[in-house]
C-alpha atoms as a PDB file:
ATOM      1  CA  UNK A   1      -2.973  -7.070  39.719  1.00  0.00           C
ATOM      2  CA  UNK A   2      -2.172  -3.502  38.696  1.00  0.00           C
ATOM      3  CA  UNK A   3      -1.583  -2.427  35.141  1.00  0.00           C
ATOM      4  CA  UNK A   4       1.585  -0.579  34.267  1.00  0.00           C
ATOM      5  CA  UNK A   5       0.895   3.109  33.811  1.00  0.00           C
ATOM      6  CA  UNK A   6       2.697   5.478  31.480  1.00  0.00           C
ATOM      7  CA  UNK A   7       2.994   9.190  32.086  1.00  0.00           C
ATOM      8  CA  UNK A   8       3.324  11.412  29.041  1.00  0.00           C
ATOM      9  CA  UNK A   9       3.562  15.142  28.610  1.00  0.00           C
ATOM     10  CA  UNK A  10       0.400  16.632  27.204  1.00  0.00           C
ATOM     11  CA  UNK A  11      -0.622  20.133  26.165  1.00  0.00           C
ATOM     12  CA  UNK A  12       0.880  23.151  27.943  1.00  0.00           C
ATOM     13  CA  UNK A  13       3.217  21.164  30.152  1.00  0.00           C
ATOM     14  CA  UNK A  14       0.515  19.085  31.837  1.00  0.00           C
ATOM     15  CA  UNK A  15       0.894  15.306  32.035  1.00  0.00           C
ATOM     16  CA  UNK A  16      -1.513  12.436  31.501  1.00  0.00           C
ATOM     17  CA  UNK A  17      -1.350   8.903  32.844  1.00  0.00           C
ATOM     18  CA  UNK A  18      -2.717   5.988  30.832  1.00  0.00           C
ATOM     19  CA  UNK A  19      -2.332   2.200  30.972  1.00  0.00           C
ATOM     20  CA  UNK A  20       0.663   0.882  29.007  1.00  0.00           C
ATOM     21  CA  UNK A  21      -1.579  -1.429  26.969  1.00  0.00           C
ATOM     22  CA  UNK A  22      -3.699   1.521  25.834  1.00  0.00           C
ATOM     23  CA  UNK A  23      -0.527   3.460  24.998  1.00  0.00           C
ATOM     24  CA  UNK A  24       0.644   0.580  22.800  1.00  0.00           C
ATOM     25  CA  UNK A  25      -2.730   0.577  20.979  1.00  0.00           C
ATOM     26  CA  UNK A  26      -2.462   4.307  20.336  1.00  0.00           C
ATOM     27  CA  UNK A  27       1.081   3.970  18.985  1.00  0.00           C
ATOM     28  CA  UNK A  28       0.018   1.139  16.622  1.00  0.00           C
ATOM     29  CA  UNK A  29      -2.938   3.191  15.384  1.00  0.00           C
ATOM     30  CA  UNK A  30      -0.698   6.237  14.848  1.00  0.00           C
ATOM     31  CA  UNK A  31       1.766   4.144  12.834  1.00  0.00           C
ATOM     32  CA  UNK A  32      -1.048   2.613  10.748  1.00  0.00           C
ATOM     33  CA  UNK A  33      -2.441   6.058   9.950  1.00  0.00           C
ATOM     34  CA  UNK A  34       1.002   7.401   9.040  1.00  0.00           C
ATOM     35  CA  UNK A  35       1.510   4.483   6.643  1.00  0.00           C
ATOM     36  CA  UNK A  36      -1.926   5.068   5.105  1.00  0.00           C
ATOM     37  CA  UNK A  37      -1.191   8.772   4.559  1.00  0.00           C
ATOM     38  CA  UNK A  38       2.226   7.954   3.055  1.00  0.00           C
ATOM     39  CA  UNK A  39       0.626   5.489   0.620  1.00  0.00           C
ATOM     40  CA  UNK A  40      -2.050   8.024  -0.335  1.00  0.00           C
ATOM     41  CA  UNK A  41       0.599  10.694  -0.986  1.00  0.00           C
ATOM     42  CA  UNK A  42       2.631   8.281  -3.097  1.00  0.00           C
ATOM     43  CA  UNK A  43      -0.477   7.380  -5.102  1.00  0.00           C
ATOM     44  CA  UNK A  44      -1.011  11.060  -5.901  1.00  0.00           C
ATOM     45  CA  UNK A  45       2.250  10.997  -7.900  1.00  0.00           C
ATOM     46  CA  UNK A  46       0.833   8.334 -10.228  1.00  0.00           C
ATOM     47  CA  UNK A  47      -0.665   9.257 -13.564  1.00  0.00           C
ATOM     48  CA  UNK A  48      -4.411   8.689 -13.976  1.00  0.00           C
ATOM     49  CA  UNK A  49      -3.746   5.659 -16.193  1.00  0.00           C
ATOM     50  CA  UNK A  50      -1.332   4.175 -13.653  1.00  0.00           C
ATOM     51  CA  UNK A  51      -4.038   4.555 -10.992  1.00  0.00           C
ATOM     52  CA  UNK A  52      -6.503   2.741 -13.257  1.00  0.00           C
ATOM     53  CA  UNK A  53      -4.005  -0.069 -13.916  1.00  0.00           C
ATOM     54  CA  UNK A  54      -3.229  -0.433 -10.196  1.00  0.00           C
ATOM     55  CA  UNK A  55      -6.939  -0.504  -9.323  1.00  0.00           C
ATOM     56  CA  UNK A  56      -7.568  -3.086 -12.067  1.00  0.00           C
ATOM     57  CA  UNK A  57      -4.807  -5.345 -10.712  1.00  0.00           C
ATOM     58  CA  UNK A  58      -6.050  -4.975  -7.116  1.00  0.00           C
ATOM     59  CA  UNK A  59      -9.654  -5.717  -8.112  1.00  0.00           C
ATOM     60  CA  UNK A  60      -8.650  -8.706 -10.230  1.00  0.00           C
ATOM     61  CA  UNK A  61      -6.539 -10.203  -7.428  1.00  0.00           C
ATOM     62  CA  UNK A  62      -9.361  -9.652  -4.924  1.00  0.00           C
ATOM     63  CA  UNK A  63     -11.887 -11.304  -7.225  1.00  0.00           C
ATOM     64  CA  UNK A  64      -9.809 -14.171  -8.674  1.00  0.00           C
ATOM     65  CA  UNK A  65      -7.095 -14.780  -6.096  1.00  0.00           C
ATOM     66  CA  UNK A  66      -4.301 -14.535  -8.668  1.00  0.00           C
ATOM     67  CA  UNK A  67      -2.730 -11.793 -10.747  1.00  0.00           C
ATOM     68  CA  UNK A  68      -4.038 -10.925 -14.217  1.00  0.00           C
ATOM     69  CA  UNK A  69      -2.073 -11.405 -17.432  1.00  0.00           C
ATOM     70  CA  UNK A  70      -0.780  -8.405 -19.409  1.00  0.00           C
ATOM     71  CA  UNK A  71      -3.621  -8.817 -21.899  1.00  0.00           C
ATOM     72  CA  UNK A  72      -6.209  -8.929 -19.100  1.00  0.00           C
ATOM     73  CA  UNK A  73      -4.720  -5.801 -17.510  1.00  0.00           C
ATOM     74  CA  UNK A  74      -4.858  -4.010 -20.868  1.00  0.00           C
ATOM     75  CA  UNK A  75      -8.500  -5.018 -21.318  1.00  0.00           C
ATOM     76  CA  UNK A  76      -9.490  -4.085 -17.750  1.00  0.00           C
ATOM     77  CA  UNK A  77      -7.749  -0.701 -17.910  1.00  0.00           C
ATOM     78  CA  UNK A  78      -8.990   0.128 -21.397  1.00  0.00           C
ATOM     79  CA  UNK A  79      -5.504   0.112 -22.948  1.00  0.00           C
ATOM     80  CA  UNK A  80      -4.899  -0.606 -26.621  1.00  0.00           C
ATOM     81  CA  UNK A  81      -2.154  -3.197 -26.182  1.00  0.00           C
ATOM     82  CA  UNK A  82      -0.544  -5.463 -23.626  1.00  0.00           C
ATOM     83  CA  UNK A  83       2.688  -3.532 -24.199  1.00  0.00           C
ATOM     84  CA  UNK A  84       1.028  -0.440 -22.724  1.00  0.00           C
ATOM     85  CA  UNK A  85       0.091  -2.465 -19.653  1.00  0.00           C
ATOM     86  CA  UNK A  86       3.722  -3.604 -19.386  1.00  0.00           C
ATOM     87  CA  UNK A  87       4.998  -0.010 -19.357  1.00  0.00           C
ATOM     88  CA  UNK A  88       2.511   1.057 -16.678  1.00  0.00           C
ATOM     89  CA  UNK A  89       3.338  -2.003 -14.552  1.00  0.00           C
ATOM     90  CA  UNK A  90       7.022  -1.188 -14.802  1.00  0.00           C
ATOM     91  CA  UNK A  91       6.321   2.358 -13.534  1.00  0.00           C
ATOM     92  CA  UNK A  92       4.189   0.976 -10.676  1.00  0.00           C
ATOM     93  CA  UNK A  93       7.023  -1.384  -9.783  1.00  0.00           C
ATOM     94  CA  UNK A  94       9.489   1.524  -9.691  1.00  0.00           C
ATOM     95  CA  UNK A  95       7.114   3.423  -7.373  1.00  0.00           C
ATOM     96  CA  UNK A  96       6.955   0.379  -5.080  1.00  0.00           C
ATOM     97  CA  UNK A  97       3.282  -0.551  -5.490  1.00  0.00           C
ATOM     98  CA  UNK A  98       3.979  -4.016  -6.849  1.00  0.00           C
ATOM     99  CA  UNK A  99       6.691  -6.551  -7.590  1.00  0.00           C
ATOM    100  CA  UNK A 100       6.954  -8.533 -10.791  1.00  0.00           C
ATOM    101  CA  UNK A 101       8.560 -11.898 -11.391  1.00  0.00           C
ATOM    102  CA  UNK A 102       9.540 -11.742 -15.043  1.00  0.00           C
ATOM    103  CA  UNK A 103      10.021 -15.500 -15.168  1.00  0.00           C
ATOM    104  CA  UNK A 104       6.494 -16.441 -14.082  1.00  0.00           C
ATOM    105  CA  UNK A 105       3.168 -16.136 -15.802  1.00  0.00           C
ATOM    106  CA  UNK A 106       0.910 -13.857 -13.735  1.00  0.00           C
ATOM    107  CA  UNK A 107       4.006 -12.962 -11.690  1.00  0.00           C
ATOM    108  CA  UNK A 108       2.633  -9.772 -10.152  1.00  0.00           C
ATOM    109  CA  UNK A 109       2.543  -9.272  -6.398  1.00  0.00           C
ATOM    110  CA  UNK A 110       0.890  -6.274  -4.756  1.00  0.00           C
ATOM    111  CA  UNK A 111       3.051  -4.584  -2.126  1.00  0.00           C
ATOM    112  CA  UNK A 112       2.088  -2.331   0.748  1.00  0.00           C
ATOM    113  CA  UNK A 113       3.797   1.005   0.158  1.00  0.00           C
ATOM    114  CA  UNK A 114       5.400   0.967   3.629  1.00  0.00           C
ATOM    115  CA  UNK A 115       6.883  -2.487   2.939  1.00  0.00           C
ATOM    116  CA  UNK A 116       8.327  -1.218  -0.339  1.00  0.00           C
ATOM    117  CA  UNK A 117      10.168   1.588   1.461  1.00  0.00           C
ATOM    118  CA  UNK A 118      11.795  -0.862   3.883  1.00  0.00           C
ATOM    119  CA  UNK A 119      13.005  -3.285   1.227  1.00  0.00           C
END
Protein backbone atom coordinates (compact mmCIF):
# COMPACT_ATOMS: atom_id res chain seq x y z
CA UNK A 1 0.00 0.00 0.00
CA UNK A 2 1.56 3.29 -1.07
CA UNK A 3 0.72 6.61 0.50
CA UNK A 4 -0.39 9.47 -1.70
CA UNK A 5 2.42 11.96 -2.17
CA UNK A 6 2.07 15.69 -2.66
CA UNK A 7 4.60 17.80 -4.50
CA UNK A 8 4.88 21.43 -3.48
CA UNK A 9 7.11 24.24 -4.60
CA UNK A 10 9.73 25.12 -2.04
CA UNK A 11 12.43 27.77 -1.84
CA UNK A 12 14.08 29.04 -5.03
CA UNK A 13 11.94 27.02 -7.40
CA UNK A 14 12.85 23.61 -5.97
CA UNK A 15 10.11 21.13 -5.09
CA UNK A 16 9.56 18.82 -2.15
CA UNK A 17 7.50 15.65 -1.95
CA UNK A 18 5.75 14.66 1.27
CA UNK A 19 2.97 12.22 2.18
CA UNK A 20 -0.54 13.69 1.88
CA UNK A 21 -1.31 12.82 5.51
CA UNK A 22 1.71 14.81 6.70
CA UNK A 23 0.67 17.70 4.45
CA UNK A 24 -2.78 17.70 6.06
CA UNK A 25 -1.18 17.82 9.54
CA UNK A 26 0.96 20.78 8.52
CA UNK A 27 -2.03 22.66 7.12
CA UNK A 28 -4.04 22.06 10.33
CA UNK A 29 -1.12 23.26 12.46
CA UNK A 30 -0.70 26.36 10.27
CA UNK A 31 -4.40 27.18 10.62
CA UNK A 32 -4.29 26.66 14.41
CA UNK A 33 -1.30 28.99 14.72
CA UNK A 34 -2.95 31.63 12.53
CA UNK A 35 -6.06 31.53 14.73
CA UNK A 36 -3.92 31.81 17.87
CA UNK A 37 -2.07 34.85 16.49
CA UNK A 38 -5.36 36.47 15.43
CA UNK A 39 -6.79 35.98 18.94
CA UNK A 40 -3.63 37.40 20.53
CA UNK A 41 -3.77 40.47 18.26
CA UNK A 42 -7.44 41.00 19.07
CA UNK A 43 -6.68 40.74 22.79
CA UNK A 44 -4.10 43.51 22.45
CA UNK A 45 -6.94 45.91 21.56
CA UNK A 46 -8.59 45.28 24.94
CA UNK A 47 -8.09 47.66 27.83
CA UNK A 48 -6.15 46.32 30.83
CA UNK A 49 -9.38 46.07 32.84
CA UNK A 50 -11.13 44.17 30.04
CA UNK A 51 -8.22 41.71 30.01
CA UNK A 52 -8.58 41.25 33.77
CA UNK A 53 -12.35 40.69 33.45
CA UNK A 54 -11.87 38.18 30.61
CA UNK A 55 -9.20 36.31 32.58
CA UNK A 56 -11.45 36.27 35.67
CA UNK A 57 -14.34 34.80 33.66
CA UNK A 58 -12.08 32.18 32.03
CA UNK A 59 -10.55 31.17 35.37
CA UNK A 60 -13.94 30.99 37.08
CA UNK A 61 -15.41 28.81 34.32
CA UNK A 62 -12.36 26.53 34.41
CA UNK A 63 -12.59 26.17 38.18
CA UNK A 64 -16.38 25.98 38.68
CA UNK A 65 -17.71 24.73 35.36
CA UNK A 66 -20.23 27.57 35.06
CA UNK A 67 -20.09 31.30 34.44
CA UNK A 68 -19.79 33.79 37.31
CA UNK A 69 -22.47 36.31 38.24
CA UNK A 70 -21.94 40.05 37.65
CA UNK A 71 -21.18 40.53 41.34
CA UNK A 72 -18.63 37.69 41.30
CA UNK A 73 -16.96 39.15 38.21
CA UNK A 74 -16.76 42.55 39.90
CA UNK A 75 -15.21 40.99 43.00
CA UNK A 76 -12.75 38.84 41.02
CA UNK A 77 -11.64 41.74 38.81
CA UNK A 78 -11.42 44.24 41.66
CA UNK A 79 -14.23 46.45 40.31
CA UNK A 80 -16.33 48.68 42.55
CA UNK A 81 -19.75 47.60 41.27
CA UNK A 82 -21.49 44.92 39.26
CA UNK A 83 -22.49 47.64 36.80
CA UNK A 84 -18.81 48.11 35.93
CA UNK A 85 -18.56 44.39 35.23
CA UNK A 86 -21.62 44.67 32.98
CA UNK A 87 -20.01 47.42 30.89
CA UNK A 88 -16.77 45.47 30.46
CA UNK A 89 -18.68 42.30 29.54
CA UNK A 90 -20.62 44.23 26.93
CA UNK A 91 -17.34 45.45 25.39
CA UNK A 92 -15.93 41.90 25.42
CA UNK A 93 -19.10 40.69 23.71
CA UNK A 94 -18.71 43.35 21.00
CA UNK A 95 -15.09 42.23 20.46
CA UNK A 96 -16.30 38.63 20.09
CA UNK A 97 -14.66 37.07 23.16
CA UNK A 98 -17.91 35.97 24.74
CA UNK A 99 -21.66 35.72 24.23
CA UNK A 100 -24.24 36.68 26.81
CA UNK A 101 -27.77 35.43 27.24
CA UNK A 102 -29.52 38.34 28.92
CA UNK A 103 -32.43 36.13 29.93
CA UNK A 104 -30.39 33.60 31.93
CA UNK A 105 -28.58 33.86 35.21
CA UNK A 106 -24.86 33.19 34.62
CA UNK A 107 -25.61 33.42 30.88
CA UNK A 108 -22.03 34.00 29.74
CA UNK A 109 -20.39 31.75 27.18
CA UNK A 110 -16.73 32.04 26.22
CA UNK A 111 -16.13 32.07 22.47
CA UNK A 112 -13.01 31.27 20.48
CA UNK A 113 -12.07 34.42 18.59
CA UNK A 114 -11.99 32.57 15.25
CA UNK A 115 -15.54 31.28 15.85
CA UNK A 116 -16.71 34.82 16.59
CA UNK A 117 -15.41 36.04 13.22
CA UNK A 118 -17.34 33.33 11.36
CA UNK A 119 -20.66 33.96 13.09
